[in-house]
Every structure is written in C-alpha cells, then in structure tokens.
PDB file of all heavy atoms in Angstrom:
ATOM      1  N   TYR A   1     -11.774  15.429  -3.831  1.00  0.00           N
ATOM      2  CA  TYR A   1     -11.483  15.342  -5.260  1.00  0.00           C
ATOM      3  C   TYR A   1     -10.478  14.197  -5.404  1.00  0.00           C
ATOM      4  O   TYR A   1      -9.472  14.158  -4.708  1.00  0.00           O
ATOM      5  CB  TYR A   1     -10.854  16.638  -5.776  1.00  0.00           C
ATOM      6  CG  TYR A   1     -11.667  17.865  -5.486  1.00  0.00           C
ATOM      7  CD1 TYR A   1     -11.130  18.917  -4.745  1.00  0.00           C
ATOM      8  CD2 TYR A   1     -12.967  18.002  -5.961  1.00  0.00           C
ATOM      9  CE1 TYR A   1     -11.870  20.058  -4.475  1.00  0.00           C
ATOM     10  CE2 TYR A   1     -13.712  19.138  -5.692  1.00  0.00           C
ATOM     11  CZ  TYR A   1     -13.152  20.160  -4.956  1.00  0.00           C
ATOM     12  OH  TYR A   1     -13.884  21.291  -4.687  1.00  0.00           O
ATOM     13  N   ARG A   2     -10.738  13.289  -6.323  1.00  0.00           N
ATOM     14  CA  ARG A   2      -9.875  12.116  -6.408  1.00  0.00           C
ATOM     15  C   ARG A   2      -9.694  11.657  -7.848  1.00  0.00           C
ATOM     16  O   ARG A   2     -10.443  12.021  -8.762  1.00  0.00           O
ATOM     17  CB  ARG A   2     -10.438  10.991  -5.548  1.00  0.00           C
ATOM     18  CG  ARG A   2     -11.875  10.561  -5.880  1.00  0.00           C
ATOM     19  CD  ARG A   2     -11.957   9.672  -7.077  1.00  0.00           C
ATOM     20  NE  ARG A   2     -13.286   9.114  -7.318  1.00  0.00           N
ATOM     21  CZ  ARG A   2     -13.719   8.768  -8.525  1.00  0.00           C
ATOM     22  NH1 ARG A   2     -12.967   8.956  -9.592  1.00  0.00           N
ATOM     23  NH2 ARG A   2     -14.933   8.264  -8.677  1.00  0.00           N
ATOM     24  N   ALA A   3      -8.666  10.836  -8.022  1.00  0.00           N
ATOM     25  CA  ALA A   3      -8.424  10.111  -9.267  1.00  0.00           C
ATOM     26  C   ALA A   3      -7.629   8.872  -8.882  1.00  0.00           C
ATOM     27  O   ALA A   3      -7.262   8.704  -7.713  1.00  0.00           O
ATOM     28  CB  ALA A   3      -7.656  10.962 -10.262  1.00  0.00           C
ATOM     29  N   ALA A   4      -7.375   7.995  -9.835  1.00  0.00           N
ATOM     30  CA  ALA A   4      -6.529   6.828  -9.584  1.00  0.00           C
ATOM     31  C   ALA A   4      -5.671   6.584 -10.817  1.00  0.00           C
ATOM     32  O   ALA A   4      -6.161   6.658 -11.950  1.00  0.00           O
ATOM     33  CB  ALA A   4      -7.380   5.596  -9.270  1.00  0.00           C
ATOM     34  N   TYR A   5      -4.382   6.321 -10.584  1.00  0.00           N
ATOM     35  CA  TYR A   5      -3.424   6.153 -11.680  1.00  0.00           C
ATOM     36  C   TYR A   5      -2.593   4.900 -11.477  1.00  0.00           C
ATOM     37  O   TYR A   5      -2.304   4.497 -10.335  1.00  0.00           O
ATOM     38  CB  TYR A   5      -2.448   7.338 -11.734  1.00  0.00           C
ATOM     39  CG  TYR A   5      -3.094   8.690 -11.890  1.00  0.00           C
ATOM     40  CD1 TYR A   5      -3.395   9.459 -10.769  1.00  0.00           C
ATOM     41  CD2 TYR A   5      -3.380   9.221 -13.144  1.00  0.00           C
ATOM     42  CE1 TYR A   5      -3.976  10.713 -10.898  1.00  0.00           C
ATOM     43  CE2 TYR A   5      -3.960  10.472 -13.284  1.00  0.00           C
ATOM     44  CZ  TYR A   5      -4.259  11.208 -12.152  1.00  0.00           C
ATOM     45  OH  TYR A   5      -4.834  12.460 -12.276  1.00  0.00           O
ATOM     46  N   ASP A   6      -2.168   4.294 -12.601  1.00  0.00           N
ATOM     47  CA  ASP A   6      -1.143   3.267 -12.510  1.00  0.00           C
ATOM     48  C   ASP A   6       0.213   3.936 -12.707  1.00  0.00           C
ATOM     49  O   ASP A   6       0.303   5.161 -12.811  1.00  0.00           O
ATOM     50  CB  ASP A   6      -1.387   2.140 -13.525  1.00  0.00           C
ATOM     51  CG  ASP A   6      -1.293   2.605 -14.987  1.00  0.00           C
ATOM     52  OD1 ASP A   6      -0.745   3.690 -15.264  1.00  0.00           O
ATOM     53  OD2 ASP A   6      -1.780   1.853 -15.862  1.00  0.00           O
ATOM     54  N   PHE A   7       1.276   3.157 -12.761  1.00  0.00           N
ATOM     55  CA  PHE A   7       2.621   3.735 -12.818  1.00  0.00           C
ATOM     56  C   PHE A   7       2.985   4.268 -14.202  1.00  0.00           C
ATOM     57  O   PHE A   7       4.061   4.835 -14.384  1.00  0.00           O
ATOM     58  CB  PHE A   7       3.657   2.718 -12.330  1.00  0.00           C
ATOM     59  CG  PHE A   7       4.017   2.897 -10.880  1.00  0.00           C
ATOM     60  CD1 PHE A   7       3.075   2.695  -9.889  1.00  0.00           C
ATOM     61  CD2 PHE A   7       5.295   3.295 -10.516  1.00  0.00           C
ATOM     62  CE1 PHE A   7       3.391   2.869  -8.559  1.00  0.00           C
ATOM     63  CE2 PHE A   7       5.625   3.472  -9.184  1.00  0.00           C
ATOM     64  CZ  PHE A   7       4.679   3.266  -8.199  1.00  0.00           C
ATOM     65  N   SER A   8       2.096   4.092 -15.165  1.00  0.00           N
ATOM     66  CA  SER A   8       2.274   4.740 -16.473  1.00  0.00           C
ATOM     67  C   SER A   8       1.418   5.993 -16.573  1.00  0.00           C
ATOM     68  O   SER A   8       1.297   6.591 -17.646  1.00  0.00           O
ATOM     69  CB  SER A   8       1.909   3.766 -17.602  1.00  0.00           C
ATOM     70  OG  SER A   8       2.786   2.659 -17.612  1.00  0.00           O
ATOM     71  N   LEU A   9       0.804   6.382 -15.447  1.00  0.00           N
ATOM     72  CA  LEU A   9      -0.097   7.531 -15.355  1.00  0.00           C
ATOM     73  C   LEU A   9      -1.352   7.362 -16.198  1.00  0.00           C
ATOM     74  O   LEU A   9      -1.976   8.346 -16.598  1.00  0.00           O
ATOM     75  CB  LEU A   9       0.620   8.846 -15.718  1.00  0.00           C
ATOM     76  CG  LEU A   9       1.661   9.320 -14.711  1.00  0.00           C
ATOM     77  CD1 LEU A   9       2.283  10.640 -15.185  1.00  0.00           C
ATOM     78  CD2 LEU A   9       1.062   9.500 -13.323  1.00  0.00           C
ATOM     79  N   ASN A  10      -1.726   6.121 -16.475  1.00  0.00           N
ATOM     80  CA  ASN A  10      -3.034   5.859 -17.062  1.00  0.00           C
ATOM     81  C   ASN A  10      -4.084   6.032 -15.972  1.00  0.00           C
ATOM     82  O   ASN A  10      -3.874   5.610 -14.821  1.00  0.00           O
ATOM     83  CB  ASN A  10      -3.101   4.442 -17.633  1.00  0.00           C
ATOM     84  CG  ASN A  10      -2.119   4.214 -18.751  1.00  0.00           C
ATOM     85  OD1 ASN A  10      -2.036   5.012 -19.674  1.00  0.00           O
ATOM     86  ND2 ASN A  10      -1.368   3.134 -18.670  1.00  0.00           N
ATOM     87  N   GLU A  11      -5.216   6.634 -16.316  1.00  0.00           N
ATOM     88  CA  GLU A  11      -6.270   6.843 -15.335  1.00  0.00           C
ATOM     89  C   GLU A  11      -7.066   5.557 -15.111  1.00  0.00           C
ATOM     90  O   GLU A  11      -7.737   5.080 -16.012  1.00  0.00           O
ATOM     91  CB  GLU A  11      -7.220   7.966 -15.781  1.00  0.00           C
ATOM     92  CG  GLU A  11      -6.649   9.359 -15.599  1.00  0.00           C
ATOM     93  CD  GLU A  11      -7.715  10.428 -15.803  1.00  0.00           C
ATOM     94  OE1 GLU A  11      -8.765  10.130 -16.394  1.00  0.00           O
ATOM     95  OE2 GLU A  11      -7.483  11.565 -15.369  1.00  0.00           O
ATOM     96  N   ILE A  12      -6.990   5.022 -13.902  1.00  0.00           N
ATOM     97  CA  ILE A  12      -7.826   3.897 -13.510  1.00  0.00           C
ATOM     98  C   ILE A  12      -9.213   4.421 -13.125  1.00  0.00           C
ATOM     99  O   ILE A  12     -10.233   3.789 -13.371  1.00  0.00           O
ATOM    100  CB  ILE A  12      -7.207   3.137 -12.328  1.00  0.00           C
ATOM    101  CG1 ILE A  12      -5.765   2.744 -12.631  1.00  0.00           C
ATOM    102  CG2 ILE A  12      -8.048   1.916 -11.967  1.00  0.00           C
ATOM    103  CD1 ILE A  12      -5.592   1.830 -13.793  1.00  0.00           C
ATOM    104  N   MET A  13      -9.220   5.585 -12.502  1.00  0.00           N
ATOM    105  CA  MET A  13     -10.467   6.302 -12.184  1.00  0.00           C
ATOM    106  C   MET A  13     -10.275   7.752 -12.610  1.00  0.00           C
ATOM    107  O   MET A  13      -9.215   8.341 -12.364  1.00  0.00           O
ATOM    108  CB  MET A  13     -10.787   6.236 -10.689  1.00  0.00           C
ATOM    109  CG  MET A  13     -10.989   4.830 -10.152  1.00  0.00           C
ATOM    110  SD  MET A  13     -11.293   4.796  -8.351  1.00  0.00           S
ATOM    111  CE  MET A  13     -12.987   5.408  -8.316  1.00  0.00           C
ATOM    112  N   ASN A  14     -11.265   8.334 -13.251  1.00  0.00           N
ATOM    113  CA  ASN A  14     -11.184   9.712 -13.706  1.00  0.00           C
ATOM    114  C   ASN A  14     -11.178  10.681 -12.534  1.00  0.00           C
ATOM    115  O   ASN A  14     -11.584  10.354 -11.426  1.00  0.00           O
ATOM    116  CB  ASN A  14     -12.369  10.039 -14.622  1.00  0.00           C
ATOM    117  CG  ASN A  14     -12.358   9.241 -15.904  1.00  0.00           C
ATOM    118  OD1 ASN A  14     -11.301   8.812 -16.369  1.00  0.00           O
ATOM    119  ND2 ASN A  14     -13.531   9.018 -16.467  1.00  0.00           N
ATOM    120  N   GLU A  15     -10.735  11.901 -12.795  1.00  0.00           N
ATOM    121  CA  GLU A  15     -10.796  12.961 -11.799  1.00  0.00           C
ATOM    122  C   GLU A  15     -12.254  13.342 -11.554  1.00  0.00           C
ATOM    123  O   GLU A  15     -12.952  13.763 -12.471  1.00  0.00           O
ATOM    124  CB  GLU A  15     -10.032  14.196 -12.270  1.00  0.00           C
ATOM    125  CG  GLU A  15      -8.544  13.972 -12.424  1.00  0.00           C
ATOM    126  CD  GLU A  15      -7.814  15.259 -12.753  1.00  0.00           C
ATOM    127  OE1 GLU A  15      -8.474  16.314 -12.887  1.00  0.00           O
ATOM    128  OE2 GLU A  15      -6.574  15.218 -12.865  1.00  0.00           O
ATOM    129  N   GLU A  16     -12.707  13.175 -10.326  1.00  0.00           N
ATOM    130  CA  GLU A  16     -14.093  13.502  -9.977  1.00  0.00           C
ATOM    131  C   GLU A  16     -14.184  13.847  -8.497  1.00  0.00           C
ATOM    132  O   GLU A  16     -13.371  13.379  -7.695  1.00  0.00           O
ATOM    133  CB  GLU A  16     -15.019  12.320 -10.260  1.00  0.00           C
ATOM    134  CG  GLU A  16     -15.252  12.006 -11.714  1.00  0.00           C
ATOM    135  CD  GLU A  16     -16.197  10.827 -11.910  1.00  0.00           C
ATOM    136  OE1 GLU A  16     -16.476  10.115 -10.923  1.00  0.00           O
ATOM    137  OE2 GLU A  16     -16.648  10.617 -13.038  1.00  0.00           O
ATOM    138  N   PRO A  17     -15.196  14.626  -8.117  1.00  0.00           N
ATOM    139  CA  PRO A  17     -15.502  14.763  -6.690  1.00  0.00           C
ATOM    140  C   PRO A  17     -16.229  13.520  -6.214  1.00  0.00           C
ATOM    141  O   PRO A  17     -16.972  12.891  -6.981  1.00  0.00           O
ATOM    142  CB  PRO A  17     -16.401  15.999  -6.637  1.00  0.00           C
ATOM    143  CG  PRO A  17     -17.032  16.080  -7.987  1.00  0.00           C
ATOM    144  CD  PRO A  17     -16.051  15.488  -8.959  1.00  0.00           C
ATOM    145  N   GLU A  18     -16.020  13.129  -4.977  1.00  0.00           N
ATOM    146  CA  GLU A  18     -16.698  11.950  -4.439  1.00  0.00           C
ATOM    147  C   GLU A  18     -16.961  12.132  -2.955  1.00  0.00           C
ATOM    148  O   GLU A  18     -16.081  12.581  -2.206  1.00  0.00           O
ATOM    149  CB  GLU A  18     -15.857  10.696  -4.651  1.00  0.00           C
ATOM    150  CG  GLU A  18     -16.504   9.445  -4.066  1.00  0.00           C
ATOM    151  CD  GLU A  18     -15.929   8.152  -4.607  1.00  0.00           C
ATOM    152  OE1 GLU A  18     -15.325   8.173  -5.691  1.00  0.00           O
ATOM    153  OE2 GLU A  18     -16.096   7.114  -3.946  1.00  0.00           O
ATOM    154  N   VAL A  19     -18.165  11.785  -2.529  1.00  0.00           N
ATOM    155  CA  VAL A  19     -18.502  11.748  -1.110  1.00  0.00           C
ATOM    156  C   VAL A  19     -18.102  10.373  -0.592  1.00  0.00           C
ATOM    157  O   VAL A  19     -18.625   9.351  -1.043  1.00  0.00           O
ATOM    158  CB  VAL A  19     -19.997  12.015  -0.875  1.00  0.00           C
ATOM    159  CG1 VAL A  19     -20.321  11.914   0.616  1.00  0.00           C
ATOM    160  CG2 VAL A  19     -20.395  13.392  -1.407  1.00  0.00           C
ATOM    161  N   LEU A  20     -17.185  10.331   0.349  1.00  0.00           N
ATOM    162  CA  LEU A  20     -16.625   9.075   0.823  1.00  0.00           C
ATOM    163  C   LEU A  20     -17.629   8.269   1.638  1.00  0.00           C
ATOM    164  O   LEU A  20     -18.363   8.816   2.458  1.00  0.00           O
ATOM    165  CB  LEU A  20     -15.379   9.344   1.666  1.00  0.00           C
ATOM    166  CG  LEU A  20     -14.209  10.007   0.928  1.00  0.00           C
ATOM    167  CD1 LEU A  20     -13.114  10.380   1.918  1.00  0.00           C
ATOM    168  CD2 LEU A  20     -13.661   9.089  -0.156  1.00  0.00           C
ATOM    169  N   CYS A  21     -17.647   6.975   1.402  1.00  0.00           N
ATOM    170  CA  CYS A  21     -18.459   6.037   2.188  1.00  0.00           C
ATOM    171  C   CYS A  21     -17.751   4.691   2.157  1.00  0.00           C
ATOM    172  O   CYS A  21     -16.702   4.544   1.528  1.00  0.00           O
ATOM    173  CB  CYS A  21     -19.873   5.939   1.623  1.00  0.00           C
ATOM    174  SG  CYS A  21     -19.939   5.188  -0.017  1.00  0.00           S
ATOM    175  N   LYS A  22     -18.326   3.694   2.809  1.00  0.00           N
ATOM    176  CA  LYS A  22     -17.657   2.392   2.892  1.00  0.00           C
ATOM    177  C   LYS A  22     -17.534   1.717   1.529  1.00  0.00           C
ATOM    178  O   LYS A  22     -16.682   0.832   1.335  1.00  0.00           O
ATOM    179  CB  LYS A  22     -18.392   1.477   3.867  1.00  0.00           C
ATOM    180  CG  LYS A  22     -19.814   1.110   3.456  1.00  0.00           C
ATOM    181  CD  LYS A  22     -20.463   0.221   4.502  1.00  0.00           C
ATOM    182  CE  LYS A  22     -21.890  -0.185   4.092  1.00  0.00           C
ATOM    183  NZ  LYS A  22     -21.907  -1.001   2.869  1.00  0.00           N
ATOM    184  N   ASP A  23     -18.378   2.114   0.576  1.00  0.00           N
ATOM    185  CA  ASP A  23     -18.322   1.515  -0.754  1.00  0.00           C
ATOM    186  C   ASP A  23     -17.396   2.259  -1.716  1.00  0.00           C
ATOM    187  O   ASP A  23     -17.236   1.849  -2.870  1.00  0.00           O
ATOM    188  CB  ASP A  23     -19.725   1.450  -1.364  1.00  0.00           C
ATOM    189  CG  ASP A  23     -20.627   0.459  -0.647  1.00  0.00           C
ATOM    190  OD1 ASP A  23     -20.107  -0.563  -0.163  1.00  0.00           O
ATOM    191  OD2 ASP A  23     -21.847   0.722  -0.552  1.00  0.00           O
ATOM    192  N   SER A  24     -16.806   3.353  -1.258  1.00  0.00           N
ATOM    193  CA  SER A  24     -15.882   4.091  -2.123  1.00  0.00           C
ATOM    194  C   SER A  24     -14.702   3.207  -2.511  1.00  0.00           C
ATOM    195  O   SER A  24     -14.153   2.489  -1.667  1.00  0.00           O
ATOM    196  CB  SER A  24     -15.371   5.337  -1.401  1.00  0.00           C
ATOM    197  OG  SER A  24     -16.414   6.247  -1.158  1.00  0.00           O
ATOM    198  N   PHE A  25     -14.347   3.222  -3.763  1.00  0.00           N
ATOM    199  CA  PHE A  25     -13.215   2.470  -4.309  1.00  0.00           C
ATOM    200  C   PHE A  25     -13.390   0.955  -4.178  1.00  0.00           C
ATOM    201  O   PHE A  25     -12.417   0.209  -4.179  1.00  0.00           O
ATOM    202  CB  PHE A  25     -11.895   2.905  -3.643  1.00  0.00           C
ATOM    203  CG  PHE A  25     -11.686   4.390  -3.657  1.00  0.00           C
ATOM    204  CD1 PHE A  25     -11.870   5.130  -2.505  1.00  0.00           C
ATOM    205  CD2 PHE A  25     -11.325   5.043  -4.822  1.00  0.00           C
ATOM    206  CE1 PHE A  25     -11.699   6.501  -2.505  1.00  0.00           C
ATOM    207  CE2 PHE A  25     -11.141   6.412  -4.833  1.00  0.00           C
ATOM    208  CZ  PHE A  25     -11.337   7.150  -3.682  1.00  0.00           C
ATOM    209  N   LYS A  26     -14.651   0.498  -4.086  1.00  0.00           N
ATOM    210  CA  LYS A  26     -14.880  -0.944  -3.917  1.00  0.00           C
ATOM    211  C   LYS A  26     -14.361  -1.746  -5.105  1.00  0.00           C
ATOM    212  O   LYS A  26     -13.995  -2.922  -4.964  1.00  0.00           O
ATOM    213  CB  LYS A  26     -16.354  -1.233  -3.676  1.00  0.00           C
ATOM    214  CG  LYS A  26     -17.281  -0.886  -4.844  1.00  0.00           C
ATOM    215  CD  LYS A  26     -18.730  -1.215  -4.498  1.00  0.00           C
ATOM    216  CE  LYS A  26     -19.663  -0.869  -5.659  1.00  0.00           C
ATOM    217  NZ  LYS A  26     -21.075  -1.182  -5.310  1.00  0.00           N
ATOM    218  N   ASP A  27     -14.311  -1.106  -6.288  1.00  0.00           N
ATOM    219  CA  ASP A  27     -13.787  -1.805  -7.460  1.00  0.00           C
ATOM    220  C   ASP A  27     -12.283  -2.038  -7.356  1.00  0.00           C
ATOM    221  O   ASP A  27     -11.722  -2.831  -8.113  1.00  0.00           O
ATOM    222  CB  ASP A  27     -14.085  -1.008  -8.734  1.00  0.00           C
ATOM    223  CG  ASP A  27     -15.578  -0.986  -9.066  1.00  0.00           C
ATOM    224  OD1 ASP A  27     -16.294  -1.872  -8.561  1.00  0.00           O
ATOM    225  OD2 ASP A  27     -16.007  -0.088  -9.802  1.00  0.00           O
ATOM    226  N   LEU A  28     -11.629  -1.329  -6.436  1.00  0.00           N
ATOM    227  CA  LEU A  28     -10.190  -1.480  -6.254  1.00  0.00           C
ATOM    228  C   LEU A  28      -9.849  -2.364  -5.061  1.00  0.00           C
ATOM    229  O   LEU A  28      -8.675  -2.654  -4.821  1.00  0.00           O
ATOM    230  CB  LEU A  28      -9.529  -0.107  -6.058  1.00  0.00           C
ATOM    231  CG  LEU A  28      -9.742   0.938  -7.158  1.00  0.00           C
ATOM    232  CD1 LEU A  28      -9.001   2.220  -6.808  1.00  0.00           C
ATOM    233  CD2 LEU A  28      -9.282   0.415  -8.511  1.00  0.00           C
ATOM    234  N   HIS A  29     -10.853  -2.777  -4.306  1.00  0.00           N
ATOM    235  CA  HIS A  29     -10.590  -3.509  -3.065  1.00  0.00           C
ATOM    236  C   HIS A  29      -9.863  -4.827  -3.287  1.00  0.00           C
ATOM    237  O   HIS A  29      -9.073  -5.247  -2.442  1.00  0.00           O
ATOM    238  CB  HIS A  29     -11.903  -3.777  -2.309  1.00  0.00           C
ATOM    239  CG  HIS A  29     -12.436  -2.561  -1.626  1.00  0.00           C
ATOM    240  ND1 HIS A  29     -13.541  -2.590  -0.808  1.00  0.00           N
ATOM    241  CD2 HIS A  29     -12.011  -1.280  -1.624  1.00  0.00           C
ATOM    242  CE1 HIS A  29     -13.777  -1.369  -0.342  1.00  0.00           C
ATOM    243  NE2 HIS A  29     -12.863  -0.571  -0.838  1.00  0.00           N
ATOM    244  N   ASN A  30     -10.125  -5.474  -4.378  1.00  0.00           N
ATOM    245  CA  ASN A  30      -9.501  -6.772  -4.631  1.00  0.00           C
ATOM    246  C   ASN A  30      -8.501  -6.711  -5.774  1.00  0.00           C
ATOM    247  O   ASN A  30      -8.113  -7.741  -6.326  1.00  0.00           O
ATOM    248  CB  ASN A  30     -10.573  -7.823  -4.942  1.00  0.00           C
ATOM    249  CG  ASN A  30     -11.503  -8.062  -3.766  1.00  0.00           C
ATOM    250  OD1 ASN A  30     -11.040  -8.227  -2.644  1.00  0.00           O
ATOM    251  ND2 ASN A  30     -12.799  -8.067  -4.017  1.00  0.00           N
ATOM    252  N   ALA A  31      -8.102  -5.497  -6.104  1.00  0.00           N
ATOM    253  CA  ALA A  31      -7.123  -5.335  -7.169  1.00  0.00           C
ATOM    254  C   ALA A  31      -5.713  -5.309  -6.563  1.00  0.00           C
ATOM    255  O   ALA A  31      -5.487  -5.829  -5.477  1.00  0.00           O
ATOM    256  CB  ALA A  31      -7.412  -4.051  -7.937  1.00  0.00           C
ATOM    257  N   ARG A  32      -4.792  -4.692  -7.262  1.00  0.00           N
ATOM    258  CA  ARG A  32      -3.430  -4.584  -6.753  1.00  0.00           C
ATOM    259  C   ARG A  32      -3.389  -3.675  -5.535  1.00  0.00           C
ATOM    260  O   ARG A  32      -4.406  -3.099  -5.159  1.00  0.00           O
ATOM    261  CB  ARG A  32      -2.554  -4.029  -7.868  1.00  0.00           C
ATOM    262  CG  ARG A  32      -2.515  -4.999  -9.017  1.00  0.00           C
ATOM    263  CD  ARG A  32      -2.308  -4.466 -10.399  1.00  0.00           C
ATOM    264  NE  ARG A  32      -2.228  -3.090 -10.705  1.00  0.00           N
ATOM    265  CZ  ARG A  32      -2.870  -2.551 -11.748  1.00  0.00           C
ATOM    266  NH1 ARG A  32      -3.724  -3.279 -12.454  1.00  0.00           N
ATOM    267  NH2 ARG A  32      -2.701  -1.299 -12.060  1.00  0.00           N
ATOM    268  N   LYS A  33      -2.232  -3.546  -4.935  1.00  0.00           N
ATOM    269  CA  LYS A  33      -2.094  -2.677  -3.780  1.00  0.00           C
ATOM    270  C   LYS A  33      -2.502  -1.253  -4.154  1.00  0.00           C
ATOM    271  O   LYS A  33      -2.148  -0.751  -5.218  1.00  0.00           O
ATOM    272  CB  LYS A  33      -0.657  -2.677  -3.266  1.00  0.00           C
ATOM    273  CG  LYS A  33      -0.445  -1.855  -1.999  1.00  0.00           C
ATOM    274  CD  LYS A  33       1.016  -1.818  -1.597  1.00  0.00           C
ATOM    275  CE  LYS A  33       1.505  -3.194  -1.209  1.00  0.00           C
ATOM    276  NZ  LYS A  33       2.928  -3.136  -0.734  1.00  0.00           N
ATOM    277  N   VAL A  34      -3.271  -0.615  -3.286  1.00  0.00           N
ATOM    278  CA  VAL A  34      -3.765   0.746  -3.536  1.00  0.00           C
ATOM    279  C   VAL A  34      -3.119   1.686  -2.518  1.00  0.00           C
ATOM    280  O   VAL A  34      -3.170   1.437  -1.310  1.00  0.00           O
ATOM    281  CB  VAL A  34      -5.299   0.811  -3.411  1.00  0.00           C
ATOM    282  CG1 VAL A  34      -5.792   2.217  -3.718  1.00  0.00           C
ATOM    283  CG2 VAL A  34      -5.956  -0.202  -4.344  1.00  0.00           C
ATOM    284  N   ILE A  35      -2.510   2.764  -3.019  1.00  0.00           N
ATOM    285  CA  ILE A  35      -1.840   3.729  -2.169  1.00  0.00           C
ATOM    286  C   ILE A  35      -2.670   5.008  -2.144  1.00  0.00           C
ATOM    287  O   ILE A  35      -2.816   5.694  -3.164  1.00  0.00           O
ATOM    288  CB  ILE A  35      -0.421   4.061  -2.682  1.00  0.00           C
ATOM    289  CG1 ILE A  35       0.356   2.775  -3.011  1.00  0.00           C
ATOM    290  CG2 ILE A  35       0.337   4.910  -1.663  1.00  0.00           C
ATOM    291  CD1 ILE A  35       0.588   1.865  -1.836  1.00  0.00           C
ATOM    292  N   PHE A  36      -3.251   5.338  -1.000  1.00  0.00           N
ATOM    293  CA  PHE A  36      -4.046   6.546  -0.840  1.00  0.00           C
ATOM    294  C   PHE A  36      -3.158   7.664  -0.300  1.00  0.00           C
ATOM    295  O   PHE A  36      -2.468   7.479   0.706  1.00  0.00           O
ATOM    296  CB  PHE A  36      -5.206   6.301   0.128  1.00  0.00           C
ATOM    297  CG  PHE A  36      -6.193   5.265  -0.341  1.00  0.00           C
ATOM    298  CD1 PHE A  36      -6.140   3.965   0.136  1.00  0.00           C
ATOM    299  CD2 PHE A  36      -7.168   5.591  -1.270  1.00  0.00           C
ATOM    300  CE1 PHE A  36      -7.053   3.000  -0.291  1.00  0.00           C
ATOM    301  CE2 PHE A  36      -8.077   4.645  -1.718  1.00  0.00           C
ATOM    302  CZ  PHE A  36      -8.024   3.345  -1.225  1.00  0.00           C
ATOM    303  N   VAL A  37      -3.185   8.816  -0.966  1.00  0.00           N
ATOM    304  CA  VAL A  37      -2.301   9.913  -0.559  1.00  0.00           C
ATOM    305  C   VAL A  37      -3.067  11.235  -0.545  1.00  0.00           C
ATOM    306  O   VAL A  37      -4.093  11.398  -1.220  1.00  0.00           O
ATOM    307  CB  VAL A  37      -1.091  10.038  -1.509  1.00  0.00           C
ATOM    308  CG1 VAL A  37      -0.279   8.752  -1.517  1.00  0.00           C
ATOM    309  CG2 VAL A  37      -1.534  10.385  -2.937  1.00  0.00           C
ATOM    310  N   GLY A  38      -2.578  12.174   0.245  1.00  0.00           N
ATOM    311  CA  GLY A  38      -3.156  13.514   0.288  1.00  0.00           C
ATOM    312  C   GLY A  38      -4.032  13.740   1.505  1.00  0.00           C
ATOM    313  O   GLY A  38      -4.396  12.806   2.218  1.00  0.00           O
ATOM    314  N   ASN A  39      -4.397  15.016   1.727  1.00  0.00           N
ATOM    315  CA  ASN A  39      -5.185  15.338   2.917  1.00  0.00           C
ATOM    316  C   ASN A  39      -6.609  14.804   2.844  1.00  0.00           C
ATOM    317  O   ASN A  39      -7.268  14.658   3.867  1.00  0.00           O
ATOM    318  CB  ASN A  39      -5.187  16.851   3.178  1.00  0.00           C
ATOM    319  CG  ASN A  39      -5.775  17.651   2.020  1.00  0.00           C
ATOM    320  OD1 ASN A  39      -6.275  17.094   1.042  1.00  0.00           O
ATOM    321  ND2 ASN A  39      -5.709  18.967   2.130  1.00  0.00           N
ATOM    322  N   GLY A  40      -7.092  14.485   1.660  1.00  0.00           N
ATOM    323  CA  GLY A  40      -8.405  13.869   1.550  1.00  0.00           C
ATOM    324  C   GLY A  40      -8.382  12.399   1.925  1.00  0.00           C
ATOM    325  O   GLY A  40      -9.372  11.852   2.407  1.00  0.00           O
ATOM    326  N   ALA A  41      -7.227  11.759   1.714  1.00  0.00           N
ATOM    327  CA  ALA A  41      -7.112  10.339   2.019  1.00  0.00           C
ATOM    328  C   ALA A  41      -7.098  10.076   3.513  1.00  0.00           C
ATOM    329  O   ALA A  41      -7.550   9.027   3.972  1.00  0.00           O
ATOM    330  CB  ALA A  41      -5.845   9.773   1.380  1.00  0.00           C
ATOM    331  N   GLU A  42      -6.593  11.024   4.272  1.00  0.00           N
ATOM    332  CA  GLU A  42      -6.428  10.818   5.709  1.00  0.00           C
ATOM    333  C   GLU A  42      -7.762  10.559   6.411  1.00  0.00           C
ATOM    334  O   GLU A  42      -7.842   9.772   7.345  1.00  0.00           O
ATOM    335  CB  GLU A  42      -5.709  12.022   6.317  1.00  0.00           C
ATOM    336  CG  GLU A  42      -4.271  12.147   5.811  1.00  0.00           C
ATOM    337  CD  GLU A  42      -3.655  13.500   6.111  1.00  0.00           C
ATOM    338  OE1 GLU A  42      -4.213  14.232   6.964  1.00  0.00           O
ATOM    339  OE2 GLU A  42      -2.620  13.824   5.501  1.00  0.00           O
ATOM    340  N   LYS A  43      -8.829  11.214   5.955  1.00  0.00           N
ATOM    341  CA  LYS A  43     -10.118  11.033   6.607  1.00  0.00           C
ATOM    342  C   LYS A  43     -10.864   9.802   6.085  1.00  0.00           C
ATOM    343  O   LYS A  43     -11.963   9.503   6.543  1.00  0.00           O
ATOM    344  CB  LYS A  43     -10.984  12.271   6.444  1.00  0.00           C
ATOM    345  CG  LYS A  43     -11.356  12.635   5.007  1.00  0.00           C
ATOM    346  CD  LYS A  43     -12.093  13.965   4.994  1.00  0.00           C
ATOM    347  CE  LYS A  43     -12.492  14.390   3.593  1.00  0.00           C
ATOM    348  NZ  LYS A  43     -13.168  15.706   3.585  1.00  0.00           N
ATOM    349  N   PHE A  44     -10.260   9.085   5.141  1.00  0.00           N
ATOM    350  CA  PHE A  44     -10.879   7.876   4.592  1.00  0.00           C
ATOM    351  C   PHE A  44     -10.439   6.620   5.336  1.00  0.00           C
ATOM    352  O   PHE A  44     -11.013   5.559   5.166  1.00  0.00           O
ATOM    353  CB  PHE A  44     -10.521   7.765   3.103  1.00  0.00           C
ATOM    354  CG  PHE A  44     -11.171   6.619   2.389  1.00  0.00           C
ATOM    355  CD1 PHE A  44     -12.538   6.403   2.473  1.00  0.00           C
ATOM    356  CD2 PHE A  44     -10.412   5.749   1.622  1.00  0.00           C
ATOM    357  CE1 PHE A  44     -13.139   5.344   1.809  1.00  0.00           C
ATOM    358  CE2 PHE A  44     -10.994   4.689   0.949  1.00  0.00           C
ATOM    359  CZ  PHE A  44     -12.369   4.480   1.043  1.00  0.00           C
ATOM    360  N   LYS A  45      -9.424   6.748   6.187  1.00  0.00           N
ATOM    361  CA  LYS A  45      -8.871   5.577   6.872  1.00  0.00           C
ATOM    362  C   LYS A  45      -9.927   4.793   7.646  1.00  0.00           C
ATOM    363  O   LYS A  45      -9.983   3.566   7.576  1.00  0.00           O
ATOM    364  CB  LYS A  45      -7.767   6.016   7.828  1.00  0.00           C
ATOM    365  CG  LYS A  45      -6.381   6.010   7.238  1.00  0.00           C
ATOM    366  CD  LYS A  45      -5.363   6.266   8.334  1.00  0.00           C
ATOM    367  CE  LYS A  45      -3.959   6.099   7.806  1.00  0.00           C
ATOM    368  NZ  LYS A  45      -2.953   6.296   8.868  1.00  0.00           N
TER     369      LYS A  45
END
C-alpha cells in the first residue's frame, strides 16, 4: 500500500495498492529526491 507526498502533504500519488516491479514509480525517477519509507519499501530496494 503506497502513496507519495510533498512537504506540504499534497498527494503526488494517491493511496493505492501496487504490485512492485521495475517500472514502479517511474514517473518519479527523474524528479526530485524520493525517500522510500516503511516495511513495504524495504523489499523494493
């Protein structure tokens, strides 16, 4: 289960379930620094 927020807590990505793959978060790959957190993030490394 994931979402993405900026520092004003605006949703960059809505809260949704996602099956992780190499293309996950590809829209964020060339954006600002992305901080992945939580026990779901650990298996995405």
